[in-house]
Amino acid sequence: MGNAQERPSETIDRERKRLVETLQADSGLLLDALLARGVLTGPEYEALDALPDAERRVRRLLLLVQGKGEAACQELLRCAQRTAGAPDPAWDWQHVGPGYRDRSYDPPCPGHWTPEAPGSGTTCPGLPRASDPDEAGGPEGSEAVQSGTPEEPEPELEAEASEEAEPEPEPEPE
């Protein structure tokens, strides 16, 4: 935000208008961050947070922090950059790896069945394997699928519902 020889309080003075405009939208988050880092005390936080006007809140915050010295000003600039800057890549859904985006949204299954490795472990009762949509994974679902009658989806759904109602999963043979 400033050059290497400029003090943080001078950066705040020089960029005051832009800081006030930028930080208004996230002033509550900035107050939270400054309280967590010990820049603001509890009473200072409460007094600033009680101000209804965001512009006035940020202006008073800048003055208060500048009165606390260069270390407080530096911390305010760091917090302001994190708060108003680009979001953390860990929370930016555009940058999430393909494994997370492509994951199944089904509830987790007891055992170690995974859609990526259908033959690697036990099957998930009542759900078809990813590699073979006609094959059912559990003993209850297998009768409905093996009978070859596609017009009988109710027993399969009832079997899945009864499994969800049971708190203890049955051990699966390997």
N, C-alpha and C. Protein backbone atom coordinates (compact mmCIF):
# COMPACT_ATOMS: atom_id res chain seq x y z
N MET A 1 0.81 -1.19 0.00
CA MET A 1 0.00 0.00 0.00
C MET A 1 0.86 1.26 0.00
N GLY A 2 2.04 1.17 0.59
CA GLY A 2 2.92 2.32 0.61
C GLY A 2 4.33 1.89 0.26
N ASN A 3 5.25 2.87 0.20
CA ASN A 3 6.62 2.48 -0.10
C ASN A 3 7.31 1.99 1.16
N ALA A 4 8.50 1.44 1.03
CA ALA A 4 9.18 0.79 2.14
C ALA A 4 9.62 1.78 3.21
N GLN A 5 9.83 3.04 2.85
CA GLN A 5 10.30 4.02 3.82
C GLN A 5 9.16 4.82 4.45
N GLU A 6 7.95 4.60 4.03
CA GLU A 6 6.80 5.31 4.58
C GLU A 6 6.30 4.59 5.82
N ARG A 7 6.07 5.33 6.88
CA ARG A 7 5.53 4.73 8.11
C ARG A 7 4.07 4.36 7.89
N PRO A 8 3.58 3.33 8.59
CA PRO A 8 2.18 2.92 8.44
C PRO A 8 1.18 4.05 8.73
N SER A 9 1.48 4.89 9.71
CA SER A 9 0.57 6.00 10.01
C SER A 9 0.52 7.00 8.86
N GLU A 10 1.64 7.17 8.17
CA GLU A 10 1.66 8.06 7.00
C GLU A 10 0.86 7.46 5.85
N THR A 11 0.93 6.15 5.70
CA THR A 11 0.14 5.47 4.67
C THR A 11 -1.34 5.67 4.96
N ILE A 12 -1.73 5.55 6.21
CA ILE A 12 -3.14 5.76 6.58
C ILE A 12 -3.55 7.20 6.27
N ASP A 13 -2.68 8.17 6.59
CA ASP A 13 -3.00 9.57 6.28
C ASP A 13 -3.16 9.77 4.78
N ARG A 14 -2.21 9.24 4.01
CA ARG A 14 -2.23 9.44 2.56
C ARG A 14 -3.42 8.74 1.91
N GLU A 15 -3.77 7.56 2.39
CA GLU A 15 -4.82 6.74 1.77
C GLU A 15 -6.14 6.79 2.53
N ARG A 16 -6.30 7.78 3.41
CA ARG A 16 -7.49 7.83 4.27
C ARG A 16 -8.79 7.75 3.49
N LYS A 17 -8.94 8.54 2.45
CA LYS A 17 -10.20 8.56 1.71
C LYS A 17 -10.49 7.19 1.09
N ARG A 18 -9.49 6.61 0.48
CA ARG A 18 -9.68 5.30 -0.14
C ARG A 18 -9.94 4.22 0.91
N LEU A 19 -9.26 4.29 2.04
CA LEU A 19 -9.49 3.33 3.11
C LEU A 19 -10.92 3.42 3.64
N VAL A 20 -11.39 4.64 3.85
CA VAL A 20 -12.76 4.82 4.35
C VAL A 20 -13.76 4.26 3.36
N GLU A 21 -13.59 4.56 2.08
CA GLU A 21 -14.52 4.06 1.06
C GLU A 21 -14.48 2.54 0.95
N THR A 22 -13.28 1.98 1.00
CA THR A 22 -13.12 0.54 0.80
C THR A 22 -13.58 -0.27 2.00
N LEU A 23 -13.29 0.21 3.20
CA LEU A 23 -13.53 -0.58 4.40
C LEU A 23 -14.94 -0.46 4.96
N GLN A 24 -15.75 0.43 4.42
CA GLN A 24 -17.11 0.58 4.94
C GLN A 24 -17.92 -0.71 4.86
N ALA A 25 -17.83 -1.39 3.75
CA ALA A 25 -18.65 -2.59 3.53
C ALA A 25 -18.30 -3.70 4.52
N ASP A 26 -17.04 -3.81 4.90
CA ASP A 26 -16.60 -4.90 5.78
C ASP A 26 -16.09 -4.38 7.12
N SER A 27 -16.62 -3.26 7.58
CA SER A 27 -16.09 -2.67 8.81
C SER A 27 -16.28 -3.58 10.02
N GLY A 28 -17.37 -4.33 10.06
CA GLY A 28 -17.58 -5.26 11.17
C GLY A 28 -16.52 -6.35 11.21
N LEU A 29 -16.18 -6.89 10.04
CA LEU A 29 -15.14 -7.91 9.97
C LEU A 29 -13.78 -7.34 10.37
N LEU A 30 -13.52 -6.12 9.97
CA LEU A 30 -12.26 -5.47 10.34
C LEU A 30 -12.19 -5.27 11.84
N LEU A 31 -13.28 -4.82 12.45
CA LEU A 31 -13.31 -4.66 13.91
C LEU A 31 -13.05 -6.00 14.60
N ASP A 32 -13.67 -7.05 14.11
CA ASP A 32 -13.47 -8.38 14.68
C ASP A 32 -11.99 -8.78 14.63
N ALA A 33 -11.37 -8.57 13.48
CA ALA A 33 -9.97 -8.95 13.30
C ALA A 33 -9.06 -8.14 14.22
N LEU A 34 -9.33 -6.85 14.35
CA LEU A 34 -8.49 -6.00 15.20
C LEU A 34 -8.67 -6.34 16.67
N LEU A 35 -9.86 -6.71 17.08
CA LEU A 35 -10.09 -7.15 18.46
C LEU A 35 -9.35 -8.46 18.71
N ALA A 36 -9.43 -9.38 17.78
CA ALA A 36 -8.77 -10.68 17.93
C ALA A 36 -7.25 -10.54 18.01
N ARG A 37 -6.70 -9.55 17.36
CA ARG A 37 -5.24 -9.35 17.36
C ARG A 37 -4.77 -8.42 18.47
N GLY A 38 -5.68 -7.95 19.30
CA GLY A 38 -5.30 -7.13 20.44
C GLY A 38 -5.07 -5.66 20.12
N VAL A 39 -5.42 -5.23 18.93
CA VAL A 39 -5.26 -3.82 18.58
C VAL A 39 -6.35 -3.00 19.27
N LEU A 40 -7.56 -3.54 19.31
CA LEU A 40 -8.68 -2.88 19.99
C LEU A 40 -8.98 -3.60 21.30
N THR A 41 -9.42 -2.81 22.29
CA THR A 41 -9.90 -3.40 23.54
C THR A 41 -11.39 -3.69 23.39
N GLY A 42 -11.93 -4.43 24.33
CA GLY A 42 -13.36 -4.74 24.31
C GLY A 42 -14.23 -3.50 24.30
N PRO A 43 -13.99 -2.53 25.20
CA PRO A 43 -14.82 -1.31 25.19
C PRO A 43 -14.68 -0.49 23.90
N GLU A 44 -13.46 -0.45 23.34
CA GLU A 44 -13.28 0.28 22.07
C GLU A 44 -14.07 -0.41 20.96
N TYR A 45 -14.00 -1.73 20.93
CA TYR A 45 -14.74 -2.50 19.94
C TYR A 45 -16.23 -2.23 20.06
N GLU A 46 -16.76 -2.31 21.28
CA GLU A 46 -18.20 -2.11 21.50
C GLU A 46 -18.63 -0.71 21.08
N ALA A 47 -17.82 0.30 21.41
CA ALA A 47 -18.17 1.68 21.06
C ALA A 47 -18.20 1.87 19.54
N LEU A 48 -17.21 1.33 18.85
CA LEU A 48 -17.18 1.47 17.39
C LEU A 48 -18.27 0.64 16.73
N ASP A 49 -18.50 -0.55 17.24
CA ASP A 49 -19.50 -1.42 16.65
C ASP A 49 -20.91 -0.86 16.82
N ALA A 50 -21.11 -0.05 17.85
CA ALA A 50 -22.43 0.53 18.10
C ALA A 50 -22.76 1.69 17.16
N LEU A 51 -21.77 2.23 16.47
CA LEU A 51 -22.03 3.33 15.55
C LEU A 51 -22.81 2.82 14.34
N PRO A 52 -23.97 3.42 14.04
CA PRO A 52 -24.78 2.92 12.93
C PRO A 52 -24.23 3.27 11.55
N ASP A 53 -23.48 4.35 11.45
CA ASP A 53 -22.97 4.81 10.16
C ASP A 53 -21.60 4.19 9.90
N ALA A 54 -21.50 3.38 8.86
CA ALA A 54 -20.25 2.66 8.56
C ALA A 54 -19.11 3.62 8.24
N GLU A 55 -19.39 4.71 7.52
CA GLU A 55 -18.32 5.66 7.20
C GLU A 55 -17.76 6.28 8.46
N ARG A 56 -18.63 6.67 9.36
CA ARG A 56 -18.19 7.27 10.61
C ARG A 56 -17.41 6.25 11.45
N ARG A 57 -17.86 5.01 11.45
CA ARG A 57 -17.18 3.94 12.19
C ARG A 57 -15.74 3.78 11.70
N VAL A 58 -15.55 3.75 10.39
CA VAL A 58 -14.20 3.56 9.84
C VAL A 58 -13.33 4.78 10.11
N ARG A 59 -13.89 5.97 9.97
CA ARG A 59 -13.11 7.18 10.24
C ARG A 59 -12.62 7.20 11.69
N ARG A 60 -13.51 6.90 12.63
CA ARG A 60 -13.11 6.86 14.05
C ARG A 60 -12.10 5.75 14.31
N LEU A 61 -12.28 4.63 13.66
CA LEU A 61 -11.35 3.52 13.82
C LEU A 61 -9.95 3.94 13.38
N LEU A 62 -9.85 4.59 12.23
CA LEU A 62 -8.54 5.03 11.74
C LEU A 62 -7.88 5.99 12.72
N LEU A 63 -8.64 6.93 13.25
CA LEU A 63 -8.08 7.88 14.22
C LEU A 63 -7.64 7.18 15.51
N LEU A 64 -8.47 6.28 15.99
CA LEU A 64 -8.15 5.54 17.22
C LEU A 64 -6.88 4.72 17.05
N VAL A 65 -6.77 4.02 15.95
CA VAL A 65 -5.60 3.16 15.72
C VAL A 65 -4.35 4.01 15.51
N GLN A 66 -4.47 5.13 14.81
CA GLN A 66 -3.30 5.98 14.62
C GLN A 66 -2.78 6.51 15.96
N GLY A 67 -3.65 6.72 16.91
CA GLY A 67 -3.24 7.17 18.24
C GLY A 67 -2.52 6.08 19.03
N LYS A 68 -2.58 4.86 18.60
CA LYS A 68 -1.95 3.74 19.31
C LYS A 68 -0.53 3.46 18.83
N GLY A 69 -0.08 4.11 17.77
CA GLY A 69 1.29 3.93 17.34
C GLY A 69 1.43 3.17 16.03
N GLU A 70 2.69 3.05 15.62
CA GLU A 70 3.00 2.47 14.32
C GLU A 70 2.68 0.97 14.23
N ALA A 71 2.89 0.24 15.32
CA ALA A 71 2.60 -1.20 15.28
C ALA A 71 1.11 -1.43 15.07
N ALA A 72 0.28 -0.64 15.74
CA ALA A 72 -1.17 -0.77 15.57
C ALA A 72 -1.58 -0.38 14.16
N CYS A 73 -0.96 0.67 13.62
CA CYS A 73 -1.26 1.09 12.25
C CYS A 73 -0.88 0.00 11.25
N GLN A 74 0.27 -0.63 11.47
CA GLN A 74 0.71 -1.70 10.59
C GLN A 74 -0.27 -2.87 10.63
N GLU A 75 -0.74 -3.20 11.83
CA GLU A 75 -1.70 -4.31 11.96
C GLU A 75 -3.02 -3.95 11.31
N LEU A 76 -3.45 -2.71 11.43
CA LEU A 76 -4.69 -2.28 10.77
C LEU A 76 -4.57 -2.42 9.26
N LEU A 77 -3.43 -2.01 8.71
CA LEU A 77 -3.24 -2.13 7.26
C LEU A 77 -3.23 -3.59 6.82
N ARG A 78 -2.60 -4.47 7.62
CA ARG A 78 -2.61 -5.90 7.29
C ARG A 78 -4.03 -6.45 7.32
N CYS A 79 -4.76 -6.12 8.39
CA CYS A 79 -6.14 -6.63 8.51
C CYS A 79 -7.03 -6.06 7.40
N ALA A 80 -6.82 -4.80 7.07
CA ALA A 80 -7.62 -4.17 6.01
C ALA A 80 -7.35 -4.84 4.67
N GLN A 81 -6.09 -5.17 4.43
CA GLN A 81 -5.75 -5.83 3.16
C GLN A 81 -6.39 -7.21 3.08
N ARG A 82 -6.37 -7.95 4.19
CA ARG A 82 -7.00 -9.28 4.21
C ARG A 82 -8.52 -9.19 4.09
N THR A 83 -9.10 -8.21 4.78
CA THR A 83 -10.56 -8.08 4.81
C THR A 83 -11.11 -7.61 3.48
N ALA A 84 -10.50 -6.58 2.92
CA ALA A 84 -11.03 -5.99 1.68
C ALA A 84 -10.36 -6.54 0.44
N GLY A 85 -9.27 -7.26 0.59
CA GLY A 85 -8.54 -7.78 -0.56
C GLY A 85 -9.19 -9.01 -1.13
N ALA A 86 -8.44 -9.74 -1.91
CA ALA A 86 -8.94 -10.96 -2.54
C ALA A 86 -9.24 -12.00 -1.46
N PRO A 87 -10.25 -12.82 -1.68
CA PRO A 87 -10.56 -13.85 -0.69
C PRO A 87 -9.46 -14.89 -0.60
N ASP A 88 -9.41 -15.54 0.52
CA ASP A 88 -8.45 -16.61 0.74
C ASP A 88 -8.71 -17.72 -0.27
N PRO A 89 -7.68 -18.19 -1.00
CA PRO A 89 -7.91 -19.24 -2.00
C PRO A 89 -8.53 -20.51 -1.41
N ALA A 90 -8.31 -20.76 -0.14
CA ALA A 90 -8.90 -21.96 0.46
C ALA A 90 -10.42 -21.87 0.49
N TRP A 91 -10.97 -20.66 0.48
CA TRP A 91 -12.42 -20.48 0.51
C TRP A 91 -12.96 -20.06 -0.84
N ASP A 92 -12.10 -19.84 -1.80
CA ASP A 92 -12.55 -19.41 -3.12
C ASP A 92 -12.91 -20.65 -3.92
N TRP A 93 -14.19 -20.86 -4.18
CA TRP A 93 -14.66 -22.07 -4.84
C TRP A 93 -14.15 -22.19 -6.27
N GLN A 94 -13.68 -21.10 -6.86
CA GLN A 94 -13.12 -21.18 -8.21
C GLN A 94 -11.79 -21.95 -8.20
N HIS A 95 -11.08 -21.94 -7.07
CA HIS A 95 -9.76 -22.55 -7.01
C HIS A 95 -9.75 -23.89 -6.29
N VAL A 96 -10.89 -24.43 -5.97
CA VAL A 96 -10.95 -25.71 -5.29
C VAL A 96 -10.58 -26.80 -6.29
N GLY A 97 -9.83 -27.76 -5.85
CA GLY A 97 -9.36 -28.82 -6.73
C GLY A 97 -10.50 -29.64 -7.31
N PRO A 98 -10.25 -30.33 -8.42
CA PRO A 98 -11.31 -31.08 -9.10
C PRO A 98 -11.87 -32.22 -8.26
N GLY A 99 -11.09 -32.79 -7.37
CA GLY A 99 -11.58 -33.88 -6.54
C GLY A 99 -12.74 -33.44 -5.65
N TYR A 100 -12.68 -32.23 -5.15
CA TYR A 100 -13.76 -31.75 -4.29
C TYR A 100 -15.00 -31.43 -5.11
N ARG A 101 -14.82 -30.77 -6.24
CA ARG A 101 -15.98 -30.40 -7.06
C ARG A 101 -16.70 -31.62 -7.61
N ASP A 102 -15.96 -32.68 -7.92
CA ASP A 102 -16.54 -33.86 -8.54
C ASP A 102 -17.04 -34.89 -7.53
N ARG A 103 -16.94 -34.59 -6.25
CA ARG A 103 -17.31 -35.59 -5.25
C ARG A 103 -18.81 -35.85 -5.28
N SER A 104 -19.19 -36.99 -4.75
CA SER A 104 -20.60 -37.36 -4.67
C SER A 104 -21.25 -36.62 -3.51
N TYR A 105 -22.48 -36.20 -3.69
CA TYR A 105 -23.18 -35.49 -2.63
C TYR A 105 -24.07 -36.41 -1.82
N ASP A 106 -23.95 -37.72 -2.04
CA ASP A 106 -24.70 -38.68 -1.25
C ASP A 106 -24.15 -38.69 0.17
N PRO A 107 -24.97 -39.07 1.15
CA PRO A 107 -24.46 -39.14 2.52
C PRO A 107 -23.38 -40.21 2.61
N PRO A 108 -22.45 -40.06 3.54
CA PRO A 108 -21.38 -41.03 3.65
C PRO A 108 -21.92 -42.41 4.01
N CYS A 109 -21.25 -43.40 3.52
CA CYS A 109 -21.67 -44.78 3.68
C CYS A 109 -20.75 -45.46 4.69
N PRO A 110 -21.30 -46.31 5.57
CA PRO A 110 -20.42 -47.05 6.46
C PRO A 110 -19.56 -48.02 5.66
N GLY A 111 -18.39 -48.26 6.12
CA GLY A 111 -17.46 -49.11 5.37
C GLY A 111 -16.49 -48.26 4.59
N HIS A 112 -15.87 -48.83 3.58
CA HIS A 112 -14.91 -48.06 2.80
C HIS A 112 -15.22 -48.06 1.32
N TRP A 113 -16.46 -48.05 0.96
CA TRP A 113 -16.86 -47.94 -0.43
C TRP A 113 -16.70 -46.50 -0.88
N THR A 114 -16.09 -46.29 -2.04
CA THR A 114 -15.97 -44.95 -2.60
C THR A 114 -16.34 -45.00 -4.06
N PRO A 115 -16.95 -43.93 -4.60
CA PRO A 115 -17.31 -43.95 -6.01
C PRO A 115 -16.09 -44.02 -6.92
N GLU A 116 -14.92 -43.55 -6.46
CA GLU A 116 -13.73 -43.56 -7.30
C GLU A 116 -13.16 -44.96 -7.44
N ALA A 117 -13.35 -45.82 -6.42
CA ALA A 117 -12.78 -47.16 -6.45
C ALA A 117 -13.87 -48.17 -6.10
N PRO A 118 -14.76 -48.49 -7.06
CA PRO A 118 -15.91 -49.33 -6.75
C PRO A 118 -15.55 -50.74 -6.30
N GLY A 119 -14.45 -51.29 -6.70
CA GLY A 119 -14.11 -52.64 -6.32
C GLY A 119 -13.12 -52.70 -5.18
N SER A 120 -12.82 -51.58 -4.54
CA SER A 120 -11.75 -51.57 -3.56
C SER A 120 -12.19 -51.95 -2.17
N GLY A 121 -13.48 -51.98 -1.88
CA GLY A 121 -13.89 -52.30 -0.52
C GLY A 121 -15.29 -52.85 -0.51
N THR A 122 -15.93 -52.72 0.63
CA THR A 122 -17.29 -53.22 0.76
C THR A 122 -18.23 -52.31 0.00
N THR A 123 -19.36 -52.87 -0.34
CA THR A 123 -20.32 -52.09 -1.10
C THR A 123 -21.21 -51.30 -0.16
N CYS A 124 -21.84 -50.29 -0.67
CA CYS A 124 -22.76 -49.47 0.11
C CYS A 124 -24.15 -50.05 -0.06
N PRO A 125 -24.79 -50.49 1.01
CA PRO A 125 -26.10 -51.13 0.89
C PRO A 125 -27.12 -50.23 0.23
N GLY A 126 -27.83 -50.78 -0.75
CA GLY A 126 -28.92 -50.05 -1.38
C GLY A 126 -28.51 -49.11 -2.49
N LEU A 127 -27.22 -48.93 -2.73
CA LEU A 127 -26.78 -48.02 -3.78
C LEU A 127 -26.01 -48.80 -4.83
N PRO A 128 -26.23 -48.50 -6.11
CA PRO A 128 -25.48 -49.19 -7.16
C PRO A 128 -24.04 -48.71 -7.16
N ARG A 129 -23.16 -49.56 -7.63
CA ARG A 129 -21.76 -49.16 -7.77
C ARG A 129 -21.63 -48.19 -8.93
N ALA A 130 -20.62 -47.36 -8.87
CA ALA A 130 -20.41 -46.37 -9.93
C ALA A 130 -20.06 -47.04 -11.25
N SER A 131 -19.38 -48.20 -11.22
CA SER A 131 -18.97 -48.85 -12.46
C SER A 131 -20.10 -49.61 -13.13
N ASP A 132 -21.11 -50.08 -12.36
CA ASP A 132 -22.19 -50.87 -12.92
C ASP A 132 -23.52 -50.39 -12.35
N PRO A 133 -24.25 -49.55 -13.08
CA PRO A 133 -25.50 -49.01 -12.54
C PRO A 133 -26.57 -50.06 -12.32
N ASP A 134 -26.48 -51.26 -12.95
CA ASP A 134 -27.49 -52.30 -12.76
C ASP A 134 -27.21 -53.15 -11.53
N GLU A 135 -26.02 -53.05 -10.96
CA GLU A 135 -25.65 -53.90 -9.84
C GLU A 135 -25.94 -53.18 -8.54
N ALA A 136 -26.64 -53.81 -7.65
CA ALA A 136 -26.91 -53.21 -6.34
C ALA A 136 -25.83 -53.66 -5.38
N GLY A 137 -25.56 -52.83 -4.39
CA GLY A 137 -24.48 -53.13 -3.49
C GLY A 137 -24.88 -53.89 -2.25
N GLY A 138 -26.14 -53.94 -1.86
CA GLY A 138 -26.48 -54.54 -0.59
C GLY A 138 -27.43 -55.69 -0.74
N PRO A 139 -27.64 -56.44 0.35
CA PRO A 139 -28.52 -57.59 0.28
C PRO A 139 -29.97 -57.20 0.06
N GLU A 140 -30.44 -56.10 0.65
CA GLU A 140 -31.84 -55.71 0.46
C GLU A 140 -32.10 -55.25 -0.96
N GLY A 141 -31.18 -54.48 -1.55
CA GLY A 141 -31.38 -53.96 -2.89
C GLY A 141 -31.15 -55.01 -3.96
N SER A 142 -30.45 -56.11 -3.63
CA SER A 142 -30.11 -57.08 -4.66
C SER A 142 -31.33 -57.83 -5.16
N GLU A 143 -32.32 -58.13 -4.29
CA GLU A 143 -33.50 -58.84 -4.76
C GLU A 143 -34.28 -58.00 -5.77
N ALA A 144 -34.41 -56.71 -5.52
CA ALA A 144 -35.18 -55.85 -6.41
C ALA A 144 -34.50 -55.73 -7.77
N VAL A 145 -33.18 -55.66 -7.78
CA VAL A 145 -32.47 -55.51 -9.04
C VAL A 145 -32.41 -56.83 -9.78
N GLN A 146 -32.20 -57.94 -9.06
CA GLN A 146 -32.08 -59.23 -9.72
C GLN A 146 -33.41 -59.71 -10.28
N SER A 147 -34.53 -59.25 -9.72
CA SER A 147 -35.82 -59.70 -10.23
C SER A 147 -36.06 -59.18 -11.63
N GLY A 148 -35.37 -58.12 -12.03
CA GLY A 148 -35.48 -57.61 -13.39
C GLY A 148 -36.75 -56.85 -13.65
N THR A 149 -37.42 -56.40 -12.63
CA THR A 149 -38.67 -55.64 -12.82
C THR A 149 -38.40 -54.19 -12.48
N PRO A 150 -38.27 -53.34 -13.51
CA PRO A 150 -37.99 -51.94 -13.24
C PRO A 150 -39.18 -51.20 -12.65
N GLU A 151 -40.39 -51.80 -12.71
CA GLU A 151 -41.56 -51.09 -12.18
C GLU A 151 -41.73 -51.30 -10.69
N GLU A 152 -40.72 -51.84 -10.00
CA GLU A 152 -40.80 -52.04 -8.56
C GLU A 152 -39.77 -51.19 -7.81
N PRO A 153 -39.78 -49.88 -7.97
CA PRO A 153 -38.79 -49.08 -7.25
C PRO A 153 -39.12 -48.91 -5.78
N GLU A 154 -40.39 -49.14 -5.38
CA GLU A 154 -40.78 -48.91 -4.00
C GLU A 154 -40.03 -49.79 -3.00
N PRO A 155 -39.91 -51.13 -3.23
CA PRO A 155 -39.19 -51.95 -2.24
C PRO A 155 -37.74 -51.50 -2.07
N GLU A 156 -37.12 -51.09 -3.15
CA GLU A 156 -35.74 -50.64 -3.06
C GLU A 156 -35.65 -49.36 -2.22
N LEU A 157 -36.58 -48.43 -2.45
CA LEU A 157 -36.59 -47.20 -1.68
C LEU A 157 -36.90 -47.49 -0.22
N GLU A 158 -37.83 -48.43 0.03
CA GLU A 158 -38.16 -48.78 1.40
C GLU A 158 -36.95 -49.42 2.09
N ALA A 159 -36.20 -50.22 1.36
CA ALA A 159 -35.01 -50.84 1.95
C ALA A 159 -33.99 -49.78 2.32
N GLU A 160 -33.80 -48.79 1.44
CA GLU A 160 -32.87 -47.71 1.75
C GLU A 160 -33.36 -46.91 2.94
N ALA A 161 -34.64 -46.62 3.02
CA ALA A 161 -35.19 -45.86 4.13
C ALA A 161 -35.05 -46.63 5.44
N SER A 162 -35.25 -47.95 5.40
CA SER A 162 -35.12 -48.73 6.63
C SER A 162 -33.66 -48.79 7.08
N GLU A 163 -32.74 -48.77 6.14
CA GLU A 163 -31.33 -48.75 6.51
C GLU A 163 -30.95 -47.45 7.17
N GLU A 164 -31.49 -46.34 6.67
CA GLU A 164 -31.20 -45.05 7.26
C GLU A 164 -31.77 -44.96 8.67
N ALA A 165 -32.86 -45.66 8.95
CA ALA A 165 -33.47 -45.63 10.27
C ALA A 165 -32.66 -46.46 11.26
N GLU A 166 -31.91 -47.46 10.79
CA GLU A 166 -31.11 -48.29 11.67
C GLU A 166 -29.84 -47.55 12.06
N PRO A 167 -29.59 -47.35 13.37
CA PRO A 167 -28.39 -46.61 13.77
C PRO A 167 -27.11 -47.42 13.64
N GLU A 168 -27.22 -48.77 13.67
CA GLU A 168 -26.02 -49.60 13.62
C GLU A 168 -25.93 -50.31 12.28
N PRO A 169 -24.89 -50.05 11.47
CA PRO A 169 -24.77 -50.75 10.18
C PRO A 169 -24.33 -52.19 10.39
N GLU A 170 -24.79 -53.06 9.50
CA GLU A 170 -24.39 -54.47 9.55
C GLU A 170 -22.99 -54.61 9.00
N PRO A 171 -22.17 -55.51 9.56
CA PRO A 171 -20.84 -55.74 8.97
C PRO A 171 -21.00 -56.42 7.63
N GLU A 172 -20.26 -55.95 6.65
CA GLU A 172 -20.34 -56.46 5.29
C GLU A 172 -19.26 -57.51 5.06
N PRO A 173 -19.59 -58.63 4.39
CA PRO A 173 -18.55 -59.62 4.05
C PRO A 173 -17.64 -59.07 2.96
N GLU A 174 -16.38 -59.40 3.05
CA GLU A 174 -15.44 -58.90 2.05
C GLU A 174 -15.17 -59.89 0.96
